[in-house]
Amino acid sequence: MKKIFGHTAVFLILYILFMLPTYLLPFLGSNSTMLNAAGVASGYGLSPTFWLHLLFLGLLILITGFRAINIAKPWLVLFPILVVIFDFVPLLNSIPLVPTILHLLTIIIGATSSARLTTTAVNDSGVD
């Protein structure tokens, strides 16, 4: 896994691919508190779009976690976690630009940081 996420292009493509549905699913009511509460009250449970939205955000956390380990910046995973909070917590989900800014920060930091070297340095002098 480290080898795959060592490539910046792989991180960018996967992150953007899984980020786009998180902007489309709210139009179907995925983060609607009223819709999900009505579904639970009527015995149908939470909306399927809610679970799909949560799945995509979980994949973003996972992808960012792999990339964060690879670039030695474990704090980078906090941005997608905050996106989950700002997408699903009532009143916070009415602030539209915060998740976008957090996504952009994740993409910029994840793409501009280079992967750390995992090979050990060889002693060229021959002296230990």
N, C-alpha and C. Protein backbone atom coordinates (compact mmCIF):
# COMPACT_ATOMS: atom_id res chain seq x y z
N MET A 1 0.82 -1.20 0.00
CA MET A 1 0.00 0.00 0.00
C MET A 1 0.86 1.26 0.00
N LYS A 2 1.98 1.22 0.73
CA LYS A 2 2.82 2.40 0.78
C LYS A 2 3.34 2.77 -0.60
N LYS A 3 3.65 1.75 -1.39
CA LYS A 3 4.19 2.00 -2.72
C LYS A 3 3.14 2.69 -3.61
N ILE A 4 1.90 2.25 -3.49
CA ILE A 4 0.83 2.83 -4.31
C ILE A 4 0.59 4.28 -3.93
N PHE A 5 0.49 4.57 -2.64
CA PHE A 5 0.18 5.92 -2.20
C PHE A 5 1.41 6.81 -2.14
N GLY A 6 2.57 6.26 -2.52
CA GLY A 6 3.77 7.08 -2.63
C GLY A 6 3.71 7.98 -3.85
N HIS A 7 2.87 7.64 -4.80
CA HIS A 7 2.72 8.44 -6.01
C HIS A 7 1.68 9.53 -5.78
N THR A 8 2.07 10.74 -6.05
CA THR A 8 1.18 11.87 -5.86
C THR A 8 -0.05 11.78 -6.75
N ALA A 9 0.14 11.33 -7.98
CA ALA A 9 -0.98 11.25 -8.92
C ALA A 9 -2.06 10.29 -8.43
N VAL A 10 -1.65 9.18 -7.84
CA VAL A 10 -2.62 8.21 -7.32
C VAL A 10 -3.44 8.83 -6.20
N PHE A 11 -2.75 9.53 -5.30
CA PHE A 11 -3.45 10.20 -4.20
C PHE A 11 -4.45 11.23 -4.74
N LEU A 12 -4.00 12.05 -5.68
CA LEU A 12 -4.87 13.10 -6.22
C LEU A 12 -6.09 12.52 -6.93
N ILE A 13 -5.87 11.53 -7.77
CA ILE A 13 -6.98 10.94 -8.52
C ILE A 13 -7.99 10.29 -7.58
N LEU A 14 -7.51 9.49 -6.64
CA LEU A 14 -8.42 8.82 -5.71
C LEU A 14 -9.15 9.81 -4.81
N TYR A 15 -8.43 10.81 -4.32
CA TYR A 15 -9.06 11.77 -3.42
C TYR A 15 -10.15 12.55 -4.15
N ILE A 16 -9.85 13.03 -5.33
CA ILE A 16 -10.85 13.80 -6.08
C ILE A 16 -12.01 12.90 -6.51
N LEU A 17 -11.70 11.67 -6.90
CA LEU A 17 -12.74 10.73 -7.32
C LEU A 17 -13.74 10.45 -6.20
N PHE A 18 -13.24 10.30 -4.96
CA PHE A 18 -14.13 10.02 -3.84
C PHE A 18 -14.67 11.29 -3.19
N MET A 19 -14.08 12.44 -3.50
CA MET A 19 -14.56 13.69 -2.93
C MET A 19 -15.79 14.21 -3.70
N LEU A 20 -15.82 14.04 -4.99
CA LEU A 20 -16.91 14.58 -5.81
C LEU A 20 -18.30 14.10 -5.37
N PRO A 21 -18.50 12.81 -5.06
CA PRO A 21 -19.84 12.40 -4.60
C PRO A 21 -20.27 13.07 -3.30
N THR A 22 -19.32 13.50 -2.47
CA THR A 22 -19.71 14.16 -1.22
C THR A 22 -20.33 15.53 -1.47
N TYR A 23 -20.14 16.06 -2.67
CA TYR A 23 -20.79 17.32 -3.04
C TYR A 23 -22.12 17.07 -3.74
N LEU A 24 -22.29 15.91 -4.34
CA LEU A 24 -23.53 15.60 -5.05
C LEU A 24 -24.58 14.95 -4.16
N LEU A 25 -24.16 14.11 -3.22
CA LEU A 25 -25.11 13.38 -2.38
C LEU A 25 -25.97 14.26 -1.48
N PRO A 26 -25.49 15.41 -0.97
CA PRO A 26 -26.39 16.25 -0.18
C PRO A 26 -27.62 16.74 -0.94
N PHE A 27 -27.54 16.82 -2.27
CA PHE A 27 -28.72 17.20 -3.04
C PHE A 27 -29.79 16.11 -2.99
N LEU A 28 -29.38 14.89 -2.63
CA LEU A 28 -30.33 13.78 -2.48
C LEU A 28 -30.73 13.57 -1.02
N GLY A 29 -30.30 14.47 -0.14
CA GLY A 29 -30.70 14.41 1.26
C GLY A 29 -29.82 13.57 2.14
N SER A 30 -28.58 13.34 1.75
CA SER A 30 -27.71 12.46 2.54
C SER A 30 -27.36 13.03 3.90
N ASN A 31 -27.27 14.33 4.02
CA ASN A 31 -26.94 14.92 5.32
C ASN A 31 -28.13 15.68 5.92
N SER A 32 -29.34 15.31 5.52
CA SER A 32 -30.55 15.93 6.04
C SER A 32 -30.95 15.28 7.36
N THR A 33 -30.91 16.05 8.41
CA THR A 33 -31.29 15.55 9.73
C THR A 33 -32.77 15.17 9.76
N MET A 34 -33.59 15.99 9.13
CA MET A 34 -35.03 15.73 9.13
C MET A 34 -35.38 14.45 8.37
N LEU A 35 -34.76 14.26 7.22
CA LEU A 35 -35.04 13.07 6.42
C LEU A 35 -34.60 11.80 7.14
N ASN A 36 -33.42 11.84 7.75
CA ASN A 36 -32.93 10.67 8.47
C ASN A 36 -33.74 10.41 9.74
N ALA A 37 -34.15 11.47 10.43
CA ALA A 37 -34.97 11.29 11.63
C ALA A 37 -36.33 10.71 11.27
N ALA A 38 -36.90 11.16 10.16
CA ALA A 38 -38.20 10.62 9.73
C ALA A 38 -38.07 9.16 9.33
N GLY A 39 -36.97 8.81 8.69
CA GLY A 39 -36.74 7.41 8.30
C GLY A 39 -36.59 6.50 9.50
N VAL A 40 -35.88 6.97 10.51
CA VAL A 40 -35.71 6.18 11.74
C VAL A 40 -37.03 6.07 12.48
N ALA A 41 -37.78 7.17 12.57
CA ALA A 41 -39.06 7.16 13.28
C ALA A 41 -40.08 6.25 12.61
N SER A 42 -40.03 6.15 11.30
CA SER A 42 -41.00 5.31 10.60
C SER A 42 -40.54 3.86 10.47
N GLY A 43 -39.36 3.57 10.98
CA GLY A 43 -38.88 2.19 10.96
C GLY A 43 -38.07 1.82 9.74
N TYR A 44 -37.83 2.76 8.85
CA TYR A 44 -37.04 2.46 7.64
C TYR A 44 -35.54 2.62 7.87
N GLY A 45 -35.16 3.31 8.91
CA GLY A 45 -33.74 3.52 9.18
C GLY A 45 -33.21 4.75 8.47
N LEU A 46 -31.91 4.89 8.54
CA LEU A 46 -31.28 6.04 7.91
C LEU A 46 -31.32 5.92 6.39
N SER A 47 -31.25 7.04 5.75
CA SER A 47 -31.30 7.10 4.29
C SER A 47 -30.11 6.35 3.68
N PRO A 48 -30.32 5.61 2.60
CA PRO A 48 -29.20 4.94 1.92
C PRO A 48 -28.15 5.94 1.42
N THR A 49 -28.60 7.14 1.07
CA THR A 49 -27.62 8.14 0.62
C THR A 49 -26.74 8.60 1.77
N PHE A 50 -27.27 8.55 3.01
CA PHE A 50 -26.45 8.87 4.17
C PHE A 50 -25.30 7.88 4.28
N TRP A 51 -25.61 6.58 4.14
CA TRP A 51 -24.57 5.56 4.25
C TRP A 51 -23.56 5.68 3.12
N LEU A 52 -24.03 6.02 1.93
CA LEU A 52 -23.13 6.20 0.80
C LEU A 52 -22.21 7.40 1.02
N HIS A 53 -22.77 8.48 1.53
CA HIS A 53 -22.00 9.68 1.85
C HIS A 53 -20.94 9.34 2.91
N LEU A 54 -21.35 8.62 3.93
CA LEU A 54 -20.42 8.22 4.99
C LEU A 54 -19.32 7.30 4.45
N LEU A 55 -19.67 6.42 3.54
CA LEU A 55 -18.69 5.53 2.91
C LEU A 55 -17.63 6.32 2.16
N PHE A 56 -18.06 7.28 1.36
CA PHE A 56 -17.10 8.09 0.60
C PHE A 56 -16.20 8.91 1.52
N LEU A 57 -16.76 9.46 2.58
CA LEU A 57 -15.94 10.22 3.52
C LEU A 57 -14.98 9.30 4.26
N GLY A 58 -15.42 8.08 4.58
CA GLY A 58 -14.52 7.11 5.19
C GLY A 58 -13.37 6.73 4.28
N LEU A 59 -13.67 6.59 2.99
CA LEU A 59 -12.60 6.30 2.02
C LEU A 59 -11.63 7.47 1.91
N LEU A 60 -12.12 8.69 2.01
CA LEU A 60 -11.23 9.85 2.00
C LEU A 60 -10.31 9.85 3.21
N ILE A 61 -10.85 9.48 4.37
CA ILE A 61 -10.03 9.39 5.58
C ILE A 61 -8.97 8.31 5.40
N LEU A 62 -9.35 7.18 4.85
CA LEU A 62 -8.42 6.07 4.64
C LEU A 62 -7.31 6.45 3.65
N ILE A 63 -7.68 7.03 2.54
CA ILE A 63 -6.70 7.44 1.53
C ILE A 63 -5.74 8.48 2.11
N THR A 64 -6.30 9.45 2.82
CA THR A 64 -5.46 10.49 3.42
C THR A 64 -4.57 9.90 4.51
N GLY A 65 -5.08 8.92 5.25
CA GLY A 65 -4.26 8.27 6.27
C GLY A 65 -3.05 7.57 5.67
N PHE A 66 -3.26 6.84 4.57
CA PHE A 66 -2.13 6.19 3.89
C PHE A 66 -1.13 7.22 3.38
N ARG A 67 -1.65 8.28 2.78
CA ARG A 67 -0.76 9.32 2.25
C ARG A 67 -0.03 10.04 3.38
N ALA A 68 -0.73 10.30 4.49
CA ALA A 68 -0.11 10.99 5.62
C ALA A 68 1.04 10.18 6.21
N ILE A 69 0.87 8.88 6.30
CA ILE A 69 1.95 8.03 6.79
C ILE A 69 3.11 8.05 5.80
N ASN A 70 2.79 8.04 4.53
CA ASN A 70 3.81 8.00 3.50
C ASN A 70 4.64 9.28 3.43
N ILE A 71 4.04 10.42 3.74
CA ILE A 71 4.77 11.68 3.68
C ILE A 71 5.19 12.17 5.07
N ALA A 72 5.00 11.33 6.08
CA ALA A 72 5.40 11.62 7.46
C ALA A 72 4.69 12.86 8.02
N LYS A 73 3.41 12.99 7.70
CA LYS A 73 2.58 14.06 8.26
C LYS A 73 1.28 13.45 8.76
N PRO A 74 1.34 12.74 9.90
CA PRO A 74 0.14 12.04 10.37
C PRO A 74 -1.02 12.96 10.73
N TRP A 75 -0.77 14.22 10.97
CA TRP A 75 -1.83 15.16 11.31
C TRP A 75 -2.71 15.50 10.10
N LEU A 76 -2.27 15.15 8.90
CA LEU A 76 -3.04 15.47 7.69
C LEU A 76 -4.41 14.80 7.70
N VAL A 77 -4.53 13.66 8.36
CA VAL A 77 -5.79 12.92 8.39
C VAL A 77 -6.87 13.67 9.19
N LEU A 78 -6.47 14.66 9.96
CA LEU A 78 -7.45 15.44 10.73
C LEU A 78 -8.39 16.25 9.83
N PHE A 79 -7.90 16.67 8.68
CA PHE A 79 -8.74 17.49 7.79
C PHE A 79 -9.97 16.72 7.29
N PRO A 80 -9.81 15.49 6.76
CA PRO A 80 -11.03 14.76 6.35
C PRO A 80 -11.92 14.39 7.53
N ILE A 81 -11.34 14.18 8.71
CA ILE A 81 -12.17 13.90 9.89
C ILE A 81 -13.02 15.13 10.22
N LEU A 82 -12.43 16.31 10.12
CA LEU A 82 -13.20 17.54 10.34
C LEU A 82 -14.26 17.73 9.27
N VAL A 83 -13.99 17.28 8.05
CA VAL A 83 -14.99 17.35 6.99
C VAL A 83 -16.22 16.53 7.37
N VAL A 84 -16.00 15.35 7.94
CA VAL A 84 -17.13 14.51 8.38
C VAL A 84 -17.96 15.26 9.41
N ILE A 85 -17.30 15.91 10.34
CA ILE A 85 -18.01 16.66 11.38
C ILE A 85 -18.81 17.80 10.76
N PHE A 86 -18.18 18.54 9.84
CA PHE A 86 -18.87 19.68 9.23
C PHE A 86 -19.91 19.25 8.20
N ASP A 87 -19.87 18.01 7.75
CA ASP A 87 -20.90 17.53 6.82
C ASP A 87 -22.14 16.98 7.53
N PHE A 88 -21.98 16.42 8.74
CA PHE A 88 -23.09 15.71 9.36
C PHE A 88 -23.64 16.33 10.64
N VAL A 89 -22.90 17.19 11.30
CA VAL A 89 -23.40 17.79 12.54
C VAL A 89 -24.37 18.92 12.19
N PRO A 90 -25.59 18.86 12.74
CA PRO A 90 -26.55 19.93 12.45
C PRO A 90 -25.99 21.29 12.84
N LEU A 91 -26.35 22.28 12.10
CA LEU A 91 -25.88 23.67 12.17
C LEU A 91 -24.48 23.82 11.58
N LEU A 92 -23.58 22.89 11.84
CA LEU A 92 -22.26 22.99 11.23
C LEU A 92 -22.33 22.67 9.73
N ASN A 93 -23.29 21.82 9.35
CA ASN A 93 -23.40 21.50 7.93
C ASN A 93 -24.03 22.63 7.12
N SER A 94 -24.43 23.70 7.78
CA SER A 94 -24.95 24.86 7.05
C SER A 94 -23.84 25.86 6.72
N ILE A 95 -22.61 25.55 7.12
CA ILE A 95 -21.46 26.39 6.77
C ILE A 95 -20.80 25.74 5.55
N PRO A 96 -21.07 26.24 4.36
CA PRO A 96 -20.69 25.50 3.16
C PRO A 96 -19.21 25.50 2.80
N LEU A 97 -18.48 26.52 3.12
CA LEU A 97 -17.11 26.61 2.63
C LEU A 97 -16.08 25.88 3.49
N VAL A 98 -16.40 25.55 4.71
CA VAL A 98 -15.41 24.90 5.58
C VAL A 98 -14.99 23.54 5.03
N PRO A 99 -15.90 22.64 4.64
CA PRO A 99 -15.44 21.37 4.07
C PRO A 99 -14.63 21.56 2.79
N THR A 100 -15.00 22.54 1.99
CA THR A 100 -14.25 22.80 0.75
C THR A 100 -12.83 23.24 1.06
N ILE A 101 -12.68 24.13 2.02
CA ILE A 101 -11.34 24.59 2.41
C ILE A 101 -10.53 23.43 2.98
N LEU A 102 -11.17 22.60 3.80
CA LEU A 102 -10.46 21.45 4.36
C LEU A 102 -10.05 20.45 3.28
N HIS A 103 -10.92 20.24 2.29
CA HIS A 103 -10.56 19.36 1.17
C HIS A 103 -9.38 19.95 0.40
N LEU A 104 -9.43 21.25 0.14
CA LEU A 104 -8.33 21.89 -0.59
C LEU A 104 -7.02 21.81 0.17
N LEU A 105 -7.07 22.02 1.48
CA LEU A 105 -5.85 21.89 2.29
C LEU A 105 -5.29 20.48 2.22
N THR A 106 -6.16 19.49 2.30
CA THR A 106 -5.72 18.09 2.21
C THR A 106 -5.07 17.82 0.86
N ILE A 107 -5.70 18.27 -0.20
CA ILE A 107 -5.17 18.04 -1.54
C ILE A 107 -3.83 18.75 -1.72
N ILE A 108 -3.76 20.01 -1.33
CA ILE A 108 -2.53 20.78 -1.53
C ILE A 108 -1.38 20.22 -0.71
N ILE A 109 -1.61 19.98 0.57
CA ILE A 109 -0.53 19.46 1.43
C ILE A 109 -0.16 18.05 1.02
N GLY A 110 -1.16 17.23 0.72
CA GLY A 110 -0.88 15.86 0.32
C GLY A 110 -0.16 15.76 -1.01
N ALA A 111 -0.42 16.70 -1.91
CA ALA A 111 0.20 16.65 -3.24
C ALA A 111 1.57 17.31 -3.28
N THR A 112 1.77 18.34 -2.48
CA THR A 112 3.05 19.06 -2.54
C THR A 112 4.11 18.46 -1.65
N SER A 113 3.74 17.63 -0.71
CA SER A 113 4.72 16.98 0.16
C SER A 113 5.24 15.73 -0.54
N SER A 114 6.55 15.58 -0.49
CA SER A 114 7.12 14.40 -1.16
C SER A 114 7.15 13.23 -0.20
N ALA A 115 7.07 12.04 -0.77
CA ALA A 115 7.10 10.81 0.03
C ALA A 115 8.47 10.66 0.65
N ARG A 116 8.50 10.23 1.88
CA ARG A 116 9.78 10.05 2.56
C ARG A 116 10.47 8.80 2.02
N LEU A 117 11.78 8.81 2.11
CA LEU A 117 12.56 7.67 1.64
C LEU A 117 12.50 6.55 2.67
N THR A 118 12.30 5.35 2.20
CA THR A 118 12.24 4.22 3.13
C THR A 118 13.48 3.35 3.05
N THR A 119 14.40 3.72 2.17
CA THR A 119 15.64 2.93 2.08
C THR A 119 16.63 3.44 3.09
N THR A 120 17.51 2.57 3.53
CA THR A 120 18.53 2.97 4.50
C THR A 120 19.76 3.43 3.75
N ALA A 121 20.44 4.38 4.32
CA ALA A 121 21.65 4.92 3.70
C ALA A 121 22.78 3.89 3.83
N VAL A 122 23.57 3.79 2.79
CA VAL A 122 24.69 2.86 2.78
C VAL A 122 25.95 3.63 3.13
N ASN A 123 26.75 3.07 4.01
CA ASN A 123 28.00 3.69 4.41
C ASN A 123 29.01 3.48 3.29
N ASP A 124 29.32 4.54 2.51
CA ASP A 124 30.21 4.43 1.36
C ASP A 124 31.68 4.38 1.76
N SER A 125 32.01 4.86 2.93
CA SER A 125 33.43 4.90 3.30
C SER A 125 33.97 3.54 3.68
N GLY A 126 33.12 2.60 3.98
CA GLY A 126 33.57 1.27 4.36
C GLY A 126 33.97 1.17 5.82
N VAL A 127 33.96 2.29 6.53
CA VAL A 127 34.32 2.31 7.94
C VAL A 127 33.04 2.34 8.75
N ASP A 128 32.97 1.44 9.74
CA ASP A 128 31.77 1.40 10.56
C ASP A 128 31.86 2.30 11.74
